[in-house]
Amino acid sequence: MIITKMLKKYGYYSNIISGGEVIVFDTIPETDIAIFLSRTGESTETVKAVDNFKKRNIKTIGITCTPDSSLTKICDETFVFDFANEESVVMTGSFVLYSIFF
């Protein structure tokens, strides 16, 4: 949500949807780029959402803490922050950030 607010502050349209919304309802907005966040890089709904965006020729960027994960393999570009990895028991949700750049 912070990234979306920052992009909007500098004049870029940006919004957030859940990975589940993408795969269940095929919600793919008109956009130039989509950023996918997953700590493990293995969140099923996130990885499947990437595939849906790629089918529409939308550039995909993955951000994860896990090198060589499914997310790093499917996205056009990835950023791995392995130094920020933490152990957790449950995940509260995964989200897709999308933005239109002019």
PDB file of N, CA and C in Angstrom:
ATOM      1  N   MET A   1       0.822  -1.190   0.000  1.00  0.00           N
ATOM      2  CA  MET A   1       0.000   0.000   0.000  1.00  0.00           C
ATOM      3  C   MET A   1       0.864   1.251   0.000  1.00  0.00           C
ATOM      4  N   ILE A   2       2.015   1.168   0.659  1.00  0.00           N
ATOM      5  CA  ILE A   2       2.914   2.316   0.711  1.00  0.00           C
ATOM      6  C   ILE A   2       3.449   2.640  -0.679  1.00  0.00           C
ATOM      7  N   ILE A   3       3.834   1.614  -1.434  1.00  0.00           N
ATOM      8  CA  ILE A   3       4.354   1.841  -2.783  1.00  0.00           C
ATOM      9  C   ILE A   3       3.300   2.511  -3.653  1.00  0.00           C
ATOM     10  N   THR A   4       2.056   2.057  -3.546  1.00  0.00           N
ATOM     11  CA  THR A   4       0.969   2.655  -4.323  1.00  0.00           C
ATOM     12  C   THR A   4       0.814   4.126  -3.987  1.00  0.00           C
ATOM     13  N   LYS A   5       0.835   4.452  -2.705  1.00  0.00           N
ATOM     14  CA  LYS A   5       0.702   5.854  -2.296  1.00  0.00           C
ATOM     15  C   LYS A   5       1.872   6.695  -2.814  1.00  0.00           C
ATOM     16  N   MET A   6       3.071   6.136  -2.785  1.00  0.00           N
ATOM     17  CA  MET A   6       4.243   6.867  -3.286  1.00  0.00           C
ATOM     18  C   MET A   6       4.137   7.108  -4.784  1.00  0.00           C
ATOM     19  N   LEU A   7       3.730   6.099  -5.543  1.00  0.00           N
ATOM     20  CA  LEU A   7       3.581   6.276  -6.985  1.00  0.00           C
ATOM     21  C   LEU A   7       2.529   7.329  -7.299  1.00  0.00           C
ATOM     22  N   LYS A   8       1.405   7.282  -6.593  1.00  0.00           N
ATOM     23  CA  LYS A   8       0.340   8.270  -6.805  1.00  0.00           C
ATOM     24  C   LYS A   8       0.831   9.680  -6.486  1.00  0.00           C
ATOM     25  N   LYS A   9       1.638   9.806  -5.440  1.00  0.00           N
ATOM     26  CA  LYS A   9       2.171  11.110  -5.042  1.00  0.00           C
ATOM     27  C   LYS A   9       2.985  11.739  -6.170  1.00  0.00           C
ATOM     28  N   TYR A  10       3.660  10.895  -6.961  1.00  0.00           N
ATOM     29  CA  TYR A  10       4.492  11.407  -8.048  1.00  0.00           C
ATOM     30  C   TYR A  10       3.803  11.334  -9.411  1.00  0.00           C
ATOM     31  N   GLY A  11       2.468  11.197  -9.392  1.00  0.00           N
ATOM     32  CA  GLY A  11       1.699  11.328 -10.615  1.00  0.00           C
ATOM     33  C   GLY A  11       1.446  10.060 -11.408  1.00  0.00           C
ATOM     34  N   TYR A  12       1.759   8.910 -10.844  1.00  0.00           N
ATOM     35  CA  TYR A  12       1.506   7.649 -11.536  1.00  0.00           C
ATOM     36  C   TYR A  12       0.232   7.015 -10.996  1.00  0.00           C
ATOM     37  N   TYR A  13      -0.562   6.463 -11.899  1.00  0.00           N
ATOM     38  CA  TYR A  13      -1.730   5.721 -11.451  1.00  0.00           C
ATOM     39  C   TYR A  13      -1.247   4.373 -10.928  1.00  0.00           C
ATOM     40  N   SER A  14      -1.727   3.984  -9.772  1.00  0.00           N
ATOM     41  CA  SER A  14      -1.306   2.733  -9.164  1.00  0.00           C
ATOM     42  C   SER A  14      -2.425   2.211  -8.285  1.00  0.00           C
ATOM     43  N   ASN A  15      -2.549   0.901  -8.197  1.00  0.00           N
ATOM     44  CA  ASN A  15      -3.577   0.291  -7.372  1.00  0.00           C
ATOM     45  C   ASN A  15      -3.124  -1.092  -6.939  1.00  0.00           C
ATOM     46  N   ILE A  16      -3.875  -1.689  -6.021  1.00  0.00           N
ATOM     47  CA  ILE A  16      -3.549  -3.011  -5.496  1.00  0.00           C
ATOM     48  C   ILE A  16      -4.764  -3.916  -5.641  1.00  0.00           C
ATOM     49  N   ILE A  17      -4.522  -5.153  -6.073  1.00  0.00           N
ATOM     50  CA  ILE A  17      -5.549  -6.184  -6.054  1.00  0.00           C
ATOM     51  C   ILE A  17      -4.918  -7.456  -5.486  1.00  0.00           C
ATOM     52  N   SER A  18      -5.741  -8.350  -5.008  1.00  0.00           N
ATOM     53  CA  SER A  18      -5.192  -9.590  -4.452  1.00  0.00           C
ATOM     54  C   SER A  18      -4.918 -10.587  -5.567  1.00  0.00           C
ATOM     55  N   GLY A  19      -3.937 -11.460  -5.339  1.00  0.00           N
ATOM     56  CA  GLY A  19      -3.657 -12.521  -6.290  1.00  0.00           C
ATOM     57  C   GLY A  19      -4.864 -13.411  -6.492  1.00  0.00           C
ATOM     58  N   GLY A  20      -5.615 -13.648  -5.418  1.00  0.00           N
ATOM     59  CA  GLY A  20      -6.822 -14.458  -5.511  1.00  0.00           C
ATOM     60  C   GLY A  20      -7.861 -13.850  -6.433  1.00  0.00           C
ATOM     61  N   GLU A  21      -8.005 -12.539  -6.385  1.00  0.00           N
ATOM     62  CA  GLU A  21      -8.967 -11.859  -7.260  1.00  0.00           C
ATOM     63  C   GLU A  21      -8.582 -12.036  -8.726  1.00  0.00           C
ATOM     64  N   VAL A  22      -7.289 -12.032  -8.984  1.00  0.00           N
ATOM     65  CA  VAL A  22      -6.811 -12.212 -10.355  1.00  0.00           C
ATOM     66  C   VAL A  22      -7.159 -13.607 -10.865  1.00  0.00           C
ATOM     67  N   ILE A  23      -6.894 -14.642 -10.060  1.00  0.00           N
ATOM     68  CA  ILE A  23      -7.100 -15.997 -10.578  1.00  0.00           C
ATOM     69  C   ILE A  23      -8.550 -16.461 -10.481  1.00  0.00           C
ATOM     70  N   VAL A  24      -9.310 -15.987  -9.501  1.00  0.00           N
ATOM     71  CA  VAL A  24     -10.699 -16.421  -9.362  1.00  0.00           C
ATOM     72  C   VAL A  24     -11.619 -15.661 -10.313  1.00  0.00           C
ATOM     73  N   PHE A  25     -11.440 -14.345 -10.398  1.00  0.00           N
ATOM     74  CA  PHE A  25     -12.340 -13.519 -11.208  1.00  0.00           C
ATOM     75  C   PHE A  25     -11.704 -13.028 -12.506  1.00  0.00           C
ATOM     76  N   ASP A  26     -10.477 -13.453 -12.780  1.00  0.00           N
ATOM     77  CA  ASP A  26      -9.733 -13.027 -13.969  1.00  0.00           C
ATOM     78  C   ASP A  26      -9.684 -11.504 -14.064  1.00  0.00           C
ATOM     79  N   THR A  27      -9.449 -10.870 -12.927  1.00  0.00           N
ATOM     80  CA  THR A  27      -9.351  -9.415 -12.869  1.00  0.00           C
ATOM     81  C   THR A  27      -7.956  -8.994 -13.326  1.00  0.00           C
ATOM     82  N   ILE A  28      -7.895  -8.511 -14.550  1.00  0.00           N
ATOM     83  CA  ILE A  28      -6.638  -8.014 -15.103  1.00  0.00           C
ATOM     84  C   ILE A  28      -6.891  -6.586 -15.572  1.00  0.00           C
ATOM     85  N   PRO A  29      -6.401  -5.600 -14.840  1.00  0.00           N
ATOM     86  CA  PRO A  29      -6.638  -4.209 -15.241  1.00  0.00           C
ATOM     87  C   PRO A  29      -5.810  -3.834 -16.469  1.00  0.00           C
ATOM     88  N   GLU A  30      -6.244  -2.783 -17.147  1.00  0.00           N
ATOM     89  CA  GLU A  30      -5.447  -2.209 -18.231  1.00  0.00           C
ATOM     90  C   GLU A  30      -4.254  -1.538 -17.571  1.00  0.00           C
ATOM     91  N   THR A  31      -3.079  -2.078 -17.792  1.00  0.00           N
ATOM     92  CA  THR A  31      -1.897  -1.555 -17.126  1.00  0.00           C
ATOM     93  C   THR A  31      -0.647  -1.846 -17.942  1.00  0.00           C
ATOM     94  N   ASP A  32       0.427  -1.160 -17.614  1.00  0.00           N
ATOM     95  CA  ASP A  32       1.706  -1.364 -18.283  1.00  0.00           C
ATOM     96  C   ASP A  32       2.587  -2.370 -17.560  1.00  0.00           C
ATOM     97  N   ILE A  33       2.447  -2.416 -16.251  1.00  0.00           N
ATOM     98  CA  ILE A  33       3.358  -3.218 -15.447  1.00  0.00           C
ATOM     99  C   ILE A  33       2.643  -3.708 -14.194  1.00  0.00           C
ATOM    100  N   ALA A  34       3.019  -4.889 -13.734  1.00  0.00           N
ATOM    101  CA  ALA A  34       2.457  -5.427 -12.495  1.00  0.00           C
ATOM    102  C   ALA A  34       3.608  -5.930 -11.630  1.00  0.00           C
ATOM    103  N   ILE A  35       3.535  -5.621 -10.352  1.00  0.00           N
ATOM    104  CA  ILE A  35       4.559  -6.035  -9.396  1.00  0.00           C
ATOM    105  C   ILE A  35       3.928  -7.039  -8.449  1.00  0.00           C
ATOM    106  N   PHE A  36       4.585  -8.182  -8.298  1.00  0.00           N
ATOM    107  CA  PHE A  36       4.060  -9.276  -7.491  1.00  0.00           C
ATOM    108  C   PHE A  36       4.937  -9.467  -6.267  1.00  0.00           C
ATOM    109  N   LEU A  37       4.310  -9.506  -5.097  1.00  0.00           N
ATOM    110  CA  LEU A  37       5.024  -9.627  -3.837  1.00  0.00           C
ATOM    111  C   LEU A  37       4.738 -10.990  -3.199  1.00  0.00           C
ATOM    112  N   SER A  38       5.791 -11.703  -2.836  1.00  0.00           N
ATOM    113  CA  SER A  38       5.637 -12.976  -2.146  1.00  0.00           C
ATOM    114  C   SER A  38       6.912 -13.252  -1.371  1.00  0.00           C
ATOM    115  N   ARG A  39       6.789 -13.373  -0.065  1.00  0.00           N
ATOM    116  CA  ARG A  39       7.976 -13.602   0.766  1.00  0.00           C
ATOM    117  C   ARG A  39       8.720 -14.849   0.321  1.00  0.00           C
ATOM    118  N   THR A  40       7.997 -15.948   0.135  1.00  0.00           N
ATOM    119  CA  THR A  40       8.633 -17.215  -0.240  1.00  0.00           C
ATOM    120  C   THR A  40       8.843 -17.351  -1.736  1.00  0.00           C
ATOM    121  N   GLY A  41       8.073 -16.586  -2.523  1.00  0.00           N
ATOM    122  CA  GLY A  41       8.129 -16.733  -3.968  1.00  0.00           C
ATOM    123  C   GLY A  41       7.377 -17.959  -4.458  1.00  0.00           C
ATOM    124  N   GLU A  42       6.625 -18.588  -3.560  1.00  0.00           N
ATOM    125  CA  GLU A  42       5.897 -19.811  -3.897  1.00  0.00           C
ATOM    126  C   GLU A  42       4.396 -19.696  -3.662  1.00  0.00           C
ATOM    127  N   SER A  43       3.909 -18.542  -3.292  1.00  0.00           N
ATOM    128  CA  SER A  43       2.476 -18.364  -3.044  1.00  0.00           C
ATOM    129  C   SER A  43       1.702 -18.702  -4.310  1.00  0.00           C
ATOM    130  N   THR A  44       0.866 -19.720  -4.219  1.00  0.00           N
ATOM    131  CA  THR A  44       0.170 -20.248  -5.393  1.00  0.00           C
ATOM    132  C   THR A  44      -0.589 -19.178  -6.154  1.00  0.00           C
ATOM    133  N   GLU A  45      -1.392 -18.376  -5.431  1.00  0.00           N
ATOM    134  CA  GLU A  45      -2.204 -17.385  -6.130  1.00  0.00           C
ATOM    135  C   GLU A  45      -1.350 -16.298  -6.772  1.00  0.00           C
ATOM    136  N   THR A  46      -0.209 -16.000  -6.196  1.00  0.00           N
ATOM    137  CA  THR A  46       0.672 -14.983  -6.777  1.00  0.00           C
ATOM    138  C   THR A  46       1.316 -15.503  -8.054  1.00  0.00           C
ATOM    139  N   VAL A  47       1.841 -16.709  -8.003  1.00  0.00           N
ATOM    140  CA  VAL A  47       2.498 -17.294  -9.177  1.00  0.00           C
ATOM    141  C   VAL A  47       1.494 -17.482 -10.315  1.00  0.00           C
ATOM    142  N   LYS A  48       0.284 -17.933  -9.999  1.00  0.00           N
ATOM    143  CA  LYS A  48      -0.739 -18.096 -11.035  1.00  0.00           C
ATOM    144  C   LYS A  48      -1.184 -16.741 -11.589  1.00  0.00           C
ATOM    145  N   ALA A  49      -1.223 -15.728 -10.734  1.00  0.00           N
ATOM    146  CA  ALA A  49      -1.598 -14.390 -11.190  1.00  0.00           C
ATOM    147  C   ALA A  49      -0.568 -13.856 -12.189  1.00  0.00           C
ATOM    148  N   VAL A  50       0.713 -14.122 -11.946  1.00  0.00           N
ATOM    149  CA  VAL A  50       1.752 -13.696 -12.886  1.00  0.00           C
ATOM    150  C   VAL A  50       1.452 -14.268 -14.269  1.00  0.00           C
ATOM    151  N   ASP A  51       1.131 -15.544 -14.314  1.00  0.00           N
ATOM    152  CA  ASP A  51       0.833 -16.196 -15.582  1.00  0.00           C
ATOM    153  C   ASP A  51      -0.317 -15.507 -16.300  1.00  0.00           C
ATOM    154  N   ASN A  52      -1.358 -15.117 -15.558  1.00  0.00           N
ATOM    155  CA  ASN A  52      -2.508 -14.418 -16.167  1.00  0.00           C
ATOM    156  C   ASN A  52      -2.095 -13.071 -16.767  1.00  0.00           C
ATOM    157  N   PHE A  53      -1.240 -12.334 -16.065  1.00  0.00           N
ATOM    158  CA  PHE A  53      -0.782 -11.042 -16.581  1.00  0.00           C
ATOM    159  C   PHE A  53       0.099 -11.233 -17.813  1.00  0.00           C
ATOM    160  N   LYS A  54       0.973 -12.235 -17.778  1.00  0.00           N
ATOM    161  CA  LYS A  54       1.871 -12.479 -18.907  1.00  0.00           C
ATOM    162  C   LYS A  54       1.102 -12.873 -20.160  1.00  0.00           C
ATOM    163  N   LYS A  55      -0.013 -13.568 -20.006  1.00  0.00           N
ATOM    164  CA  LYS A  55      -0.844 -13.936 -21.159  1.00  0.00           C
ATOM    165  C   LYS A  55      -1.389 -12.695 -21.856  1.00  0.00           C
ATOM    166  N   ARG A  56      -1.465 -11.587 -21.136  1.00  0.00           N
ATOM    167  CA  ARG A  56      -1.955 -10.322 -21.707  1.00  0.00           C
ATOM    168  C   ARG A  56      -0.805  -9.384 -22.078  1.00  0.00           C
ATOM    169  N   ASN A  57       0.420  -9.948 -22.084  1.00  0.00           N
ATOM    170  CA  ASN A  57       1.628  -9.187 -22.465  1.00  0.00           C
ATOM    171  C   ASN A  57       1.888  -7.983 -21.570  1.00  0.00           C
ATOM    172  N   ILE A  58       1.616  -8.138 -20.282  1.00  0.00           N
ATOM    173  CA  ILE A  58       1.894  -7.090 -19.304  1.00  0.00           C
ATOM    174  C   ILE A  58       3.219  -7.440 -18.619  1.00  0.00           C
ATOM    175  N   LYS A  59       4.109  -6.471 -18.535  1.00  0.00           N
ATOM    176  CA  LYS A  59       5.416  -6.688 -17.912  1.00  0.00           C
ATOM    177  C   LYS A  59       5.228  -7.048 -16.437  1.00  0.00           C
ATOM    178  N   THR A  60       5.968  -8.049 -15.975  1.00  0.00           N
ATOM    179  CA  THR A  60       5.845  -8.524 -14.601  1.00  0.00           C
ATOM    180  C   THR A  60       7.164  -8.390 -13.851  1.00  0.00           C
ATOM    181  N   ILE A  61       7.054  -7.909 -12.627  1.00  0.00           N
ATOM    182  CA  ILE A  61       8.208  -7.803 -11.730  1.00  0.00           C
ATOM    183  C   ILE A  61       7.861  -8.528 -10.445  1.00  0.00           C
ATOM    184  N   GLY A  62       8.730  -9.408 -10.010  1.00  0.00           N
ATOM    185  CA  GLY A  62       8.523 -10.131  -8.765  1.00  0.00           C
ATOM    186  C   GLY A  62       9.450  -9.615  -7.682  1.00  0.00           C
ATOM    187  N   ILE A  63       8.921  -9.531  -6.474  1.00  0.00           N
ATOM    188  CA  ILE A  63       9.734  -9.154  -5.312  1.00  0.00           C
ATOM    189  C   ILE A  63       9.553 -10.251  -4.276  1.00  0.00           C
ATOM    190  N   THR A  64      10.668 -10.848  -3.864  1.00  0.00           N
ATOM    191  CA  THR A  64      10.630 -11.969  -2.937  1.00  0.00           C
ATOM    192  C   THR A  64      11.885 -11.994  -2.070  1.00  0.00           C
ATOM    193  N   CYS A  65      11.869 -12.855  -1.091  1.00  0.00           N
ATOM    194  CA  CYS A  65      13.038 -13.068  -0.231  1.00  0.00           C
ATOM    195  C   CYS A  65      13.776 -14.353  -0.587  1.00  0.00           C
ATOM    196  N   THR A  66      13.245 -15.105  -1.560  1.00  0.00           N
ATOM    197  CA  THR A  66      13.763 -16.438  -1.837  1.00  0.00           C
ATOM    198  C   THR A  66      14.317 -16.545  -3.252  1.00  0.00           C
ATOM    199  N   PRO A  67      15.638 -16.696  -3.379  1.00  0.00           N
ATOM    200  CA  PRO A  67      16.223 -16.902  -4.709  1.00  0.00           C
ATOM    201  C   PRO A  67      15.752 -18.241  -5.290  1.00  0.00           C
ATOM    202  N   ASP A  68      15.749 -18.355  -6.590  1.00  0.00           N
ATOM    203  CA  ASP A  68      15.375 -19.590  -7.295  1.00  0.00           C
ATOM    204  C   ASP A  68      13.979 -20.084  -6.953  1.00  0.00           C
ATOM    205  N   SER A  69      13.086 -19.181  -6.632  1.00  0.00           N
ATOM    206  CA  SER A  69      11.698 -19.554  -6.343  1.00  0.00           C
ATOM    207  C   SER A  69      10.893 -19.541  -7.636  1.00  0.00           C
ATOM    208  N   SER A  70       9.674 -20.034  -7.576  1.00  0.00           N
ATOM    209  CA  SER A  70       8.793 -20.023  -8.750  1.00  0.00           C
ATOM    210  C   SER A  70       8.568 -18.601  -9.252  1.00  0.00           C
ATOM    211  N   LEU A  71       8.447 -17.647  -8.327  1.00  0.00           N
ATOM    212  CA  LEU A  71       8.223 -16.252  -8.718  1.00  0.00           C
ATOM    213  C   LEU A  71       9.414 -15.702  -9.504  1.00  0.00           C
ATOM    214  N   THR A  72      10.625 -16.023  -9.071  1.00  0.00           N
ATOM    215  CA  THR A  72      11.808 -15.518  -9.782  1.00  0.00           C
ATOM    216  C   THR A  72      11.931 -16.133 -11.164  1.00  0.00           C
ATOM    217  N   LYS A  73      11.394 -17.321 -11.328  1.00  0.00           N
ATOM    218  CA  LYS A  73      11.501 -18.006 -12.620  1.00  0.00           C
ATOM    219  C   LYS A  73      10.455 -17.548 -13.625  1.00  0.00           C
ATOM    220  N   ILE A  74       9.299 -17.085 -13.157  1.00  0.00           N
ATOM    221  CA  ILE A  74       8.205 -16.750 -14.081  1.00  0.00           C
ATOM    222  C   ILE A  74       8.151 -15.262 -14.441  1.00  0.00           C
ATOM    223  N   CYS A  75       8.604 -14.390 -13.561  1.00  0.00           N
ATOM    224  CA  CYS A  75       8.507 -12.941 -13.819  1.00  0.00           C
ATOM    225  C   CYS A  75       9.549 -12.473 -14.828  1.00  0.00           C
ATOM    226  N   ASP A  76       9.235 -11.374 -15.522  1.00  0.00           N
ATOM    227  CA  ASP A  76      10.182 -10.789 -16.468  1.00  0.00           C
ATOM    228  C   ASP A  76      11.424 -10.267 -15.751  1.00  0.00           C
ATOM    229  N   GLU A  77      11.224  -9.662 -14.610  1.00  0.00           N
ATOM    230  CA  GLU A  77      12.331  -9.172 -13.774  1.00  0.00           C
ATOM    231  C   GLU A  77      12.018  -9.524 -12.332  1.00  0.00           C
ATOM    232  N   THR A  78      13.057  -9.712 -11.527  1.00  0.00           N
ATOM    233  CA  THR A  78      12.835  -9.989 -10.105  1.00  0.00           C
ATOM    234  C   THR A  78      13.845  -9.250  -9.244  1.00  0.00           C
ATOM    235  N   PHE A  79      13.415  -9.000  -8.032  1.00  0.00           N
ATOM    236  CA  PHE A  79      14.275  -8.453  -6.998  1.00  0.00           C
ATOM    237  C   PHE A  79      14.199  -9.404  -5.817  1.00  0.00           C
ATOM    238  N   VAL A  80      15.350  -9.896  -5.390  1.00  0.00           N
ATOM    239  CA  VAL A  80      15.405 -10.845  -4.279  1.00  0.00           C
ATOM    240  C   VAL A  80      16.060 -10.152  -3.093  1.00  0.00           C
ATOM    241  N   PHE A  81      15.316 -10.062  -2.006  1.00  0.00           N
ATOM    242  CA  PHE A  81      15.813  -9.466  -0.772  1.00  0.00           C
ATOM    243  C   PHE A  81      15.979 -10.574   0.260  1.00  0.00           C
ATOM    244  N   ASP A  82      16.946 -11.464   0.012  1.00  0.00           N
ATOM    245  CA  ASP A  82      17.130 -12.609   0.898  1.00  0.00           C
ATOM    246  C   ASP A  82      17.552 -12.205   2.305  1.00  0.00           C
ATOM    247  N   PHE A  83      18.124 -11.037   2.455  1.00  0.00           N
ATOM    248  CA  PHE A  83      18.519 -10.549   3.775  1.00  0.00           C
ATOM    249  C   PHE A  83      17.304 -10.188   4.635  1.00  0.00           C
ATOM    250  N   ALA A  84      16.140 -10.029   4.010  1.00  0.00           N
ATOM    251  CA  ALA A  84      14.932  -9.621   4.737  1.00  0.00           C
ATOM    252  C   ALA A  84      14.015 -10.796   5.058  1.00  0.00           C
ATOM    253  N   ASN A  85      14.453 -12.011   4.743  1.00  0.00           N
ATOM    254  CA  ASN A  85      13.597 -13.182   4.970  1.00  0.00           C
ATOM    255  C   ASN A  85      13.365 -13.391   6.459  1.00  0.00           C
ATOM    256  N   GLU A  86      12.156 -13.764   6.793  1.00  0.00           N
ATOM    257  CA  GLU A  86      11.806 -14.067   8.173  1.00  0.00           C
ATOM    258  C   GLU A  86      10.982 -15.336   8.205  1.00  0.00           C
ATOM    259  N   GLU A  87      11.022 -16.028   9.280  1.00  0.00           N
ATOM    260  CA  GLU A  87      10.217 -17.237   9.429  1.00  0.00           C
ATOM    261  C   GLU A  87       8.848 -16.835   9.957  1.00  0.00           C
ATOM    262  N   SER A  88       7.808 -17.375   9.357  1.00  0.00           N
ATOM    263  CA  SER A  88       6.467 -17.109   9.843  1.00  0.00           C
ATOM    264  C   SER A  88       5.625 -18.364   9.681  1.00  0.00           C
ATOM    265  N   VAL A  89       4.532 -18.413  10.406  1.00  0.00           N
ATOM    266  CA  VAL A  89       3.676 -19.589  10.391  1.00  0.00           C
ATOM    267  C   VAL A  89       2.553 -19.435   9.374  1.00  0.00           C
ATOM    268  N   VAL A  90       1.960 -18.253   9.298  1.00  0.00           N
ATOM    269  CA  VAL A  90       0.843 -18.031   8.384  1.00  0.00           C
ATOM    270  C   VAL A  90       1.095 -16.801   7.533  1.00  0.00           C
ATOM    271  N   MET A  91       0.412 -16.764   6.402  1.00  0.00           N
ATOM    272  CA  MET A  91       0.483 -15.610   5.521  1.00  0.00           C
ATOM    273  C   MET A  91      -0.881 -14.941   5.537  1.00  0.00           C
ATOM    274  N   THR A  92      -0.892 -13.636   5.653  1.00  0.00           N
ATOM    275  CA  THR A  92      -2.163 -12.924   5.712  1.00  0.00           C
ATOM    276  C   THR A  92      -2.749 -12.657   4.334  1.00  0.00           C
ATOM    277  N   GLY A  93      -1.931 -12.659   3.303  1.00  0.00           N
ATOM    278  CA  GLY A  93      -2.428 -12.429   1.954  1.00  0.00           C
ATOM    279  C   GLY A  93      -1.301 -12.043   1.029  1.00  0.00           C
ATOM    280  N   SER A  94      -1.523 -12.199  -0.246  1.00  0.00           N
ATOM    281  CA  SER A  94      -0.535 -11.758  -1.223  1.00  0.00           C
ATOM    282  C   SER A  94      -1.240 -10.791  -2.169  1.00  0.00           C
ATOM    283  N   PHE A  95      -0.476  -9.861  -2.689  1.00  0.00           N
ATOM    284  CA  PHE A  95      -1.089  -8.794  -3.459  1.00  0.00           C
ATOM    285  C   PHE A  95      -0.319  -8.517  -4.731  1.00  0.00           C
ATOM    286  N   VAL A  96      -1.019  -7.961  -5.693  1.00  0.00           N
ATOM    287  CA  VAL A  96      -0.442  -7.539  -6.956  1.00  0.00           C
ATOM    288  C   VAL A  96      -0.575  -6.023  -7.008  1.00  0.00           C
ATOM    289  N   LEU A  97       0.529  -5.358  -7.224  1.00  0.00           N
ATOM    290  CA  LEU A  97       0.549  -3.906  -7.394  1.00  0.00           C
ATOM    291  C   LEU A  97       0.640  -3.662  -8.879  1.00  0.00           C
ATOM    292  N   TYR A  98      -0.244  -2.855  -9.426  1.00  0.00           N
ATOM    293  CA  TYR A  98      -0.126  -2.554 -10.851  1.00  0.00           C
ATOM    294  C   TYR A  98      -0.106  -1.056 -11.042  1.00  0.00           C
ATOM    295  N   SER A  99       0.537  -0.660 -12.127  1.00  0.00           N
ATOM    296  CA  SER A  99       0.684   0.766 -12.366  1.00  0.00           C
ATOM    297  C   SER A  99       0.739   1.041 -13.865  1.00  0.00           C
ATOM    298  N   ILE A 100       0.326   2.231 -14.215  1.00  0.00           N
ATOM    299  CA  ILE A 100       0.399   2.696 -15.591  1.00  0.00           C
ATOM    300  C   ILE A 100       1.418   3.823 -15.646  1.00  0.00           C
ATOM    301  N   PHE A 101       2.412   3.682 -16.504  1.00  0.00           N
ATOM    302  CA  PHE A 101       3.443   4.697 -16.648  1.00  0.00           C
ATOM    303  C   PHE A 101       3.291   5.370 -17.992  1.00  0.00           C
ATOM    304  N   PHE A 102       3.341   6.691 -17.982  1.00  0.00           N
ATOM    305  CA  PHE A 102       3.207   7.457 -19.232  1.00  0.00           C
ATOM    306  C   PHE A 102       4.542   8.031 -19.642  1.00  0.00           C
TER     307      PHE A 102
END
